[in-house]
Amino acid sequence: MAARVTWDGVVLAESDRLEVVEGSPRPSETHPVCGWKGAAGYLHAAAGGKLDRDSAWARPDAKEAGRRIARFVA
C-alpha cells in the first residue's frame, strides 16, 4: 500500500512503506505521550506561502514497544 500526503496542491510526503498504529486518527494535542510509544513531537508544513501548524507528528525517541515507528512521520 502506498500513501501520498498533499496540502494546498503540494506533495509533502510519499511512501510505499506504511505502519498502521491504533487504526484511527485522534484529535490533535500539542505534546501527547503514549504509554507504549513515548512522547510525540509535532511538525508544521509550509506550502504556497501558507503554514499548517501541527500537521504531522513523529516519535524520534519512541519507547521500546514503539521502535518500529521511531523513524516515521505521520
Protein backbone atom coordinates (compact mmCIF):
# COMPACT_ATOMS: atom_id res chain seq x y z
CA MET A 1 0.00 0.00 0.00
CA ALA A 2 1.34 3.45 -0.89
CA ALA A 3 0.49 6.87 0.53
CA ARG A 4 0.83 10.43 -0.65
CA VAL A 5 0.29 13.48 1.55
CA THR A 6 -0.64 16.74 -0.18
CA TRP A 7 -1.54 20.12 1.16
CA ASP A 8 -2.61 23.13 -0.87
CA GLY A 9 -1.69 21.24 -4.06
CA VAL A 10 1.89 20.48 -2.94
CA VAL A 11 3.14 16.92 -2.32
CA LEU A 12 4.59 16.92 1.20
CA ALA A 13 5.40 13.22 1.52
CA GLU A 14 5.18 9.94 -0.36
CA SER A 15 5.95 6.43 0.78
CA ASP A 16 5.36 2.85 -0.20
CA ARG A 17 6.02 1.75 3.39
CA LEU A 18 3.32 2.35 5.99
CA GLU A 19 2.77 1.33 9.60
CA VAL A 20 -0.79 1.38 10.93
CA VAL A 21 -0.88 2.36 14.61
CA GLU A 22 -4.10 2.21 16.63
CA GLY A 23 -6.13 2.28 13.41
CA SER A 24 -7.79 5.71 13.53
CA PRO A 25 -6.97 9.42 13.70
CA ARG A 26 -7.11 11.19 17.04
CA PRO A 27 -7.77 14.83 17.93
CA SER A 28 -4.59 16.90 17.83
CA GLU A 29 -2.75 17.53 21.07
CA THR A 30 0.45 19.55 21.16
CA HIS A 31 2.58 17.16 23.26
CA PRO A 32 0.80 13.84 23.70
CA VAL A 33 2.52 10.99 25.48
CA CYS A 34 1.57 7.38 24.87
CA GLY A 35 2.40 4.71 27.42
CA TRP A 36 3.93 2.35 24.85
CA LYS A 37 5.08 4.73 22.09
CA GLY A 38 6.50 7.59 24.14
CA ALA A 39 6.29 11.36 23.57
CA ALA A 40 5.40 12.85 20.20
CA GLY A 41 6.77 15.99 18.64
CA TYR A 42 4.67 17.88 16.11
CA LEU A 43 5.85 19.39 12.83
CA HIS A 44 4.44 22.24 10.74
CA ALA A 45 4.02 22.05 6.96
CA ALA A 46 4.69 25.03 4.72
CA ALA A 47 3.47 25.28 1.13
CA GLY A 48 2.42 28.12 -1.15
CA GLY A 49 3.31 30.72 1.46
CA LYS A 50 0.92 29.15 3.99
CA LEU A 51 1.68 27.38 7.29
CA ASP A 52 -0.28 24.35 8.51
CA ARG A 53 0.53 24.02 12.21
CA ASP A 54 0.80 20.62 13.90
CA SER A 55 0.06 18.84 10.62
CA ALA A 56 2.36 15.88 11.32
CA TRP A 57 3.94 14.14 14.27
CA ALA A 58 6.93 11.94 14.90
CA ARG A 59 8.30 9.93 17.80
CA PRO A 60 12.10 10.08 17.36
CA ASP A 61 12.68 8.78 20.89
CA ALA A 62 9.98 6.11 20.91
CA LYS A 63 9.89 3.65 23.77
CA GLU A 64 11.00 0.07 23.06
CA ALA A 65 7.49 -1.16 22.20
CA GLY A 66 7.12 1.62 19.61
CA ARG A 67 10.57 1.37 17.98
CA ARG A 68 9.05 0.22 14.65
CA ILE A 69 7.59 3.72 14.16
CA ALA A 70 10.53 5.74 15.52
CA ARG A 71 11.76 6.85 12.08
CA PHE A 72 8.34 7.63 10.62
CA VAL A 73 6.38 10.86 10.34
CA ALA A 74 2.60 10.63 10.48
